[in-house]
Amino acid sequence: MNISVTLFLSGHPRTFKFQGRMGWAMAQLAEAGAHGITTIERPAPRLSAYIHSLRKCGVPIETENEPHEGAYSGTHARYRLSCDAQVTVLGKGGAQ
């Protein structure tokens, strides 16, 4: 997925272009809004790596640890954008 995303950071819009799985992850974060995303709700291999890469690019993402039950109870991360975002899909193809 190829996307262009404009982040509204303290009144200073900043535009990025992402492709492949980073584009997918960014689009998922923007679509989820304040609810955020987890690997439990939106399974994806290496989601935390995509979040890390997006942060290195300057995308402000918050992490909240949440408990979960079941045979392998513990905690998982919920990721949320810390600003408003506007995403434009440029194409469905791209590097993975």
N, C-alpha and C. Protein backbone atom coordinates (compact mmCIF):
# COMPACT_ATOMS: atom_id res chain seq x y z
N MET A 1 0.85 -1.18 0.00
CA MET A 1 0.00 0.00 0.00
C MET A 1 0.88 1.23 0.00
N ASN A 2 0.66 2.13 -0.91
CA ASN A 2 1.37 3.40 -0.98
C ASN A 2 0.43 4.50 -0.49
N ILE A 3 0.90 5.27 0.50
CA ILE A 3 0.06 6.33 1.04
C ILE A 3 0.85 7.61 1.20
N SER A 4 0.11 8.70 1.25
CA SER A 4 0.63 10.00 1.66
C SER A 4 -0.16 10.35 2.92
N VAL A 5 0.53 10.75 3.96
CA VAL A 5 -0.15 11.11 5.20
C VAL A 5 0.33 12.47 5.65
N THR A 6 -0.63 13.31 6.02
CA THR A 6 -0.31 14.62 6.59
C THR A 6 -0.66 14.57 8.07
N LEU A 7 0.33 14.83 8.90
CA LEU A 7 0.13 14.87 10.34
C LEU A 7 0.04 16.33 10.77
N PHE A 8 -0.91 16.60 11.65
CA PHE A 8 -1.13 17.96 12.13
C PHE A 8 -0.52 18.07 13.53
N LEU A 9 0.73 18.52 13.56
CA LEU A 9 1.52 18.57 14.79
C LEU A 9 1.61 20.00 15.28
N SER A 10 0.92 20.32 16.35
CA SER A 10 0.97 21.67 16.94
C SER A 10 0.78 22.77 15.90
N GLY A 11 -0.18 22.57 15.00
CA GLY A 11 -0.48 23.58 14.00
C GLY A 11 0.48 23.61 12.82
N HIS A 12 1.44 22.71 12.81
CA HIS A 12 2.41 22.64 11.71
C HIS A 12 2.23 21.33 10.97
N PRO A 13 1.49 21.33 9.86
CA PRO A 13 1.29 20.09 9.12
C PRO A 13 2.61 19.58 8.53
N ARG A 14 2.76 18.27 8.55
CA ARG A 14 3.95 17.63 8.01
C ARG A 14 3.50 16.43 7.19
N THR A 15 3.97 16.30 5.96
CA THR A 15 3.52 15.24 5.06
C THR A 15 4.63 14.21 4.85
N PHE A 16 4.23 12.94 4.89
CA PHE A 16 5.12 11.81 4.69
C PHE A 16 4.54 10.93 3.60
N LYS A 17 5.39 10.13 2.97
CA LYS A 17 4.93 9.08 2.07
C LYS A 17 5.49 7.76 2.58
N PHE A 18 4.62 6.77 2.67
CA PHE A 18 5.03 5.44 3.11
C PHE A 18 4.51 4.41 2.12
N GLN A 19 5.22 3.30 2.03
CA GLN A 19 4.76 2.24 1.15
C GLN A 19 4.85 0.90 1.86
N GLY A 20 4.24 -0.10 1.26
CA GLY A 20 4.29 -1.45 1.80
C GLY A 20 3.63 -1.56 3.16
N ARG A 21 4.25 -2.35 4.01
CA ARG A 21 3.67 -2.60 5.33
C ARG A 21 3.71 -1.38 6.24
N MET A 22 4.69 -0.50 6.04
CA MET A 22 4.69 0.75 6.84
C MET A 22 3.51 1.61 6.43
N GLY A 23 3.19 1.64 5.14
CA GLY A 23 2.01 2.36 4.67
C GLY A 23 0.75 1.76 5.25
N TRP A 24 0.69 0.43 5.26
CA TRP A 24 -0.46 -0.27 5.83
C TRP A 24 -0.61 0.08 7.31
N ALA A 25 0.50 0.00 8.07
CA ALA A 25 0.45 0.29 9.51
C ALA A 25 0.01 1.73 9.77
N MET A 26 0.54 2.67 8.99
CA MET A 26 0.17 4.08 9.16
C MET A 26 -1.31 4.28 8.87
N ALA A 27 -1.81 3.65 7.81
CA ALA A 27 -3.23 3.76 7.47
C ALA A 27 -4.10 3.16 8.57
N GLN A 28 -3.68 2.05 9.15
CA GLN A 28 -4.44 1.42 10.24
C GLN A 28 -4.50 2.33 11.46
N LEU A 29 -3.37 2.95 11.81
CA LEU A 29 -3.35 3.88 12.95
C LEU A 29 -4.29 5.05 12.72
N ALA A 30 -4.23 5.63 11.53
CA ALA A 30 -5.09 6.78 11.22
C ALA A 30 -6.56 6.39 11.23
N GLU A 31 -6.88 5.23 10.68
CA GLU A 31 -8.26 4.76 10.63
C GLU A 31 -8.81 4.47 12.03
N ALA A 32 -7.97 3.95 12.91
CA ALA A 32 -8.41 3.57 14.26
C ALA A 32 -8.68 4.78 15.15
N GLY A 33 -8.02 5.90 14.87
CA GLY A 33 -8.24 7.10 15.68
C GLY A 33 -7.84 6.90 17.13
N ALA A 34 -8.64 7.42 18.04
CA ALA A 34 -8.33 7.38 19.47
C ALA A 34 -8.37 5.97 20.04
N HIS A 35 -9.07 5.06 19.37
CA HIS A 35 -9.14 3.68 19.86
C HIS A 35 -7.78 2.98 19.74
N GLY A 36 -7.03 3.28 18.70
CA GLY A 36 -5.73 2.67 18.50
C GLY A 36 -5.83 1.26 17.94
N ILE A 37 -4.67 0.62 17.78
CA ILE A 37 -4.63 -0.74 17.23
C ILE A 37 -3.78 -1.65 18.11
N THR A 38 -4.09 -2.93 18.06
CA THR A 38 -3.29 -3.97 18.72
C THR A 38 -3.12 -5.12 17.74
N THR A 39 -2.15 -5.97 18.02
CA THR A 39 -1.97 -7.15 17.17
C THR A 39 -3.08 -8.16 17.41
N ILE A 40 -3.78 -8.05 18.50
CA ILE A 40 -4.91 -8.96 18.77
C ILE A 40 -6.08 -8.60 17.86
N GLU A 41 -6.35 -7.30 17.68
CA GLU A 41 -7.47 -6.86 16.85
C GLU A 41 -7.13 -6.81 15.36
N ARG A 42 -5.88 -6.51 15.04
CA ARG A 42 -5.44 -6.40 13.64
C ARG A 42 -4.14 -7.17 13.49
N PRO A 43 -4.27 -8.50 13.39
CA PRO A 43 -3.06 -9.33 13.32
C PRO A 43 -2.15 -8.94 12.15
N ALA A 44 -0.89 -8.79 12.46
CA ALA A 44 0.12 -8.48 11.44
C ALA A 44 1.48 -8.90 11.98
N PRO A 45 2.24 -9.61 11.18
CA PRO A 45 3.58 -9.94 11.64
C PRO A 45 4.42 -8.68 11.79
N ARG A 46 5.13 -8.57 12.89
CA ARG A 46 6.09 -7.48 13.12
C ARG A 46 5.47 -6.09 13.22
N LEU A 47 4.24 -6.01 13.71
CA LEU A 47 3.61 -4.68 13.86
C LEU A 47 4.48 -3.76 14.70
N SER A 48 5.05 -4.27 15.78
CA SER A 48 5.87 -3.41 16.64
C SER A 48 7.08 -2.87 15.88
N ALA A 49 7.61 -3.61 14.93
CA ALA A 49 8.74 -3.12 14.12
C ALA A 49 8.29 -1.98 13.22
N TYR A 50 7.10 -2.07 12.65
CA TYR A 50 6.59 -0.99 11.81
C TYR A 50 6.35 0.26 12.64
N ILE A 51 5.82 0.08 13.85
CA ILE A 51 5.60 1.21 14.76
C ILE A 51 6.94 1.87 15.08
N HIS A 52 7.94 1.07 15.37
CA HIS A 52 9.28 1.59 15.67
C HIS A 52 9.82 2.40 14.49
N SER A 53 9.68 1.87 13.28
CA SER A 53 10.16 2.56 12.08
C SER A 53 9.41 3.87 11.84
N LEU A 54 8.09 3.86 12.06
CA LEU A 54 7.30 5.08 11.91
C LEU A 54 7.75 6.14 12.91
N ARG A 55 8.02 5.71 14.14
CA ARG A 55 8.51 6.65 15.15
C ARG A 55 9.84 7.26 14.74
N LYS A 56 10.73 6.44 14.19
CA LYS A 56 12.03 6.94 13.75
C LYS A 56 11.88 7.99 12.64
N CYS A 57 10.80 7.90 11.88
CA CYS A 57 10.52 8.89 10.83
C CYS A 57 9.91 10.17 11.39
N GLY A 58 9.55 10.16 12.67
CA GLY A 58 8.97 11.35 13.29
C GLY A 58 7.48 11.29 13.53
N VAL A 59 6.87 10.13 13.35
CA VAL A 59 5.43 9.99 13.58
C VAL A 59 5.21 9.78 15.08
N PRO A 60 4.42 10.66 15.73
CA PRO A 60 4.20 10.53 17.17
C PRO A 60 3.16 9.44 17.48
N ILE A 61 3.61 8.37 18.10
CA ILE A 61 2.75 7.22 18.41
C ILE A 61 2.89 6.91 19.89
N GLU A 62 1.75 6.81 20.59
CA GLU A 62 1.73 6.46 22.01
C GLU A 62 1.55 4.95 22.14
N THR A 63 2.07 4.38 23.22
CA THR A 63 1.89 2.96 23.52
C THR A 63 1.25 2.83 24.90
N GLU A 64 0.22 2.02 24.98
CA GLU A 64 -0.42 1.71 26.26
C GLU A 64 -0.42 0.19 26.39
N ASN A 65 0.07 -0.33 27.51
CA ASN A 65 0.04 -1.77 27.76
C ASN A 65 -1.29 -2.15 28.39
N GLU A 66 -1.92 -3.18 27.83
CA GLU A 66 -3.22 -3.66 28.30
C GLU A 66 -3.12 -5.13 28.69
N PRO A 67 -3.83 -5.53 29.74
CA PRO A 67 -3.83 -6.95 30.10
C PRO A 67 -4.75 -7.75 29.18
N HIS A 68 -4.43 -9.02 29.01
CA HIS A 68 -5.33 -9.92 28.30
C HIS A 68 -5.35 -11.27 29.03
N GLU A 69 -6.46 -11.96 28.90
CA GLU A 69 -6.68 -13.24 29.58
C GLU A 69 -6.39 -14.39 28.62
N GLY A 70 -6.70 -15.58 29.05
CA GLY A 70 -6.55 -16.75 28.20
C GLY A 70 -5.40 -17.63 28.65
N ALA A 71 -5.14 -18.66 27.86
CA ALA A 71 -4.09 -19.63 28.19
C ALA A 71 -2.72 -18.96 28.32
N TYR A 72 -2.50 -17.90 27.57
CA TYR A 72 -1.23 -17.17 27.61
C TYR A 72 -1.48 -15.74 28.08
N SER A 73 -2.08 -15.61 29.27
CA SER A 73 -2.43 -14.29 29.77
C SER A 73 -1.18 -13.44 29.98
N GLY A 74 -1.37 -12.16 29.92
CA GLY A 74 -0.25 -11.23 30.07
C GLY A 74 -0.69 -9.85 29.63
N THR A 75 0.18 -9.15 28.91
CA THR A 75 -0.15 -7.83 28.41
C THR A 75 0.19 -7.75 26.92
N HIS A 76 -0.44 -6.81 26.26
CA HIS A 76 -0.14 -6.50 24.86
C HIS A 76 -0.18 -4.99 24.72
N ALA A 77 0.40 -4.49 23.64
CA ALA A 77 0.48 -3.04 23.41
C ALA A 77 -0.68 -2.57 22.54
N ARG A 78 -1.20 -1.39 22.87
CA ARG A 78 -2.15 -0.68 22.02
C ARG A 78 -1.44 0.59 21.56
N TYR A 79 -1.40 0.79 20.23
CA TYR A 79 -0.71 1.92 19.64
C TYR A 79 -1.72 2.93 19.13
N ARG A 80 -1.45 4.22 19.42
CA ARG A 80 -2.32 5.32 18.98
C ARG A 80 -1.48 6.47 18.43
N LEU A 81 -2.00 7.11 17.40
CA LEU A 81 -1.38 8.35 16.93
C LEU A 81 -1.61 9.43 17.98
N SER A 82 -0.62 10.28 18.18
CA SER A 82 -0.72 11.37 19.16
C SER A 82 -1.14 12.68 18.50
N CYS A 83 -1.61 12.62 17.26
CA CYS A 83 -2.03 13.82 16.54
C CYS A 83 -3.08 13.43 15.52
N ASP A 84 -3.70 14.42 14.92
CA ASP A 84 -4.64 14.16 13.83
C ASP A 84 -3.86 13.85 12.57
N ALA A 85 -4.47 13.03 11.71
CA ALA A 85 -3.81 12.64 10.47
C ALA A 85 -4.82 12.57 9.34
N GLN A 86 -4.34 12.88 8.15
CA GLN A 86 -5.15 12.75 6.94
C GLN A 86 -4.36 11.85 5.98
N VAL A 87 -4.97 10.72 5.60
CA VAL A 87 -4.31 9.74 4.76
C VAL A 87 -4.91 9.75 3.36
N THR A 88 -4.05 9.71 2.35
CA THR A 88 -4.47 9.56 0.97
C THR A 88 -3.79 8.31 0.42
N VAL A 89 -4.60 7.36 -0.04
CA VAL A 89 -4.04 6.14 -0.63
C VAL A 89 -3.60 6.46 -2.05
N LEU A 90 -2.33 6.20 -2.33
CA LEU A 90 -1.76 6.48 -3.64
C LEU A 90 -1.80 5.26 -4.54
N GLY A 91 -1.86 4.09 -3.94
CA GLY A 91 -1.90 2.84 -4.70
C GLY A 91 -1.85 1.66 -3.75
N LYS A 92 -2.28 0.51 -4.24
CA LYS A 92 -2.31 -0.69 -3.41
C LYS A 92 -1.02 -1.49 -3.48
N GLY A 93 -0.18 -1.25 -4.49
CA GLY A 93 1.06 -2.00 -4.64
C GLY A 93 2.15 -1.42 -3.77
N GLY A 94 3.35 -1.95 -3.89
CA GLY A 94 4.48 -1.38 -3.17
C GLY A 94 5.32 -2.44 -2.53
N ALA A 95 6.47 -2.05 -2.05
CA ALA A 95 7.40 -2.97 -1.42
C ALA A 95 6.84 -3.46 -0.11
N GLN A 96 7.11 -4.69 0.19
CA GLN A 96 6.69 -5.28 1.46
C GLN A 96 7.82 -5.16 2.41
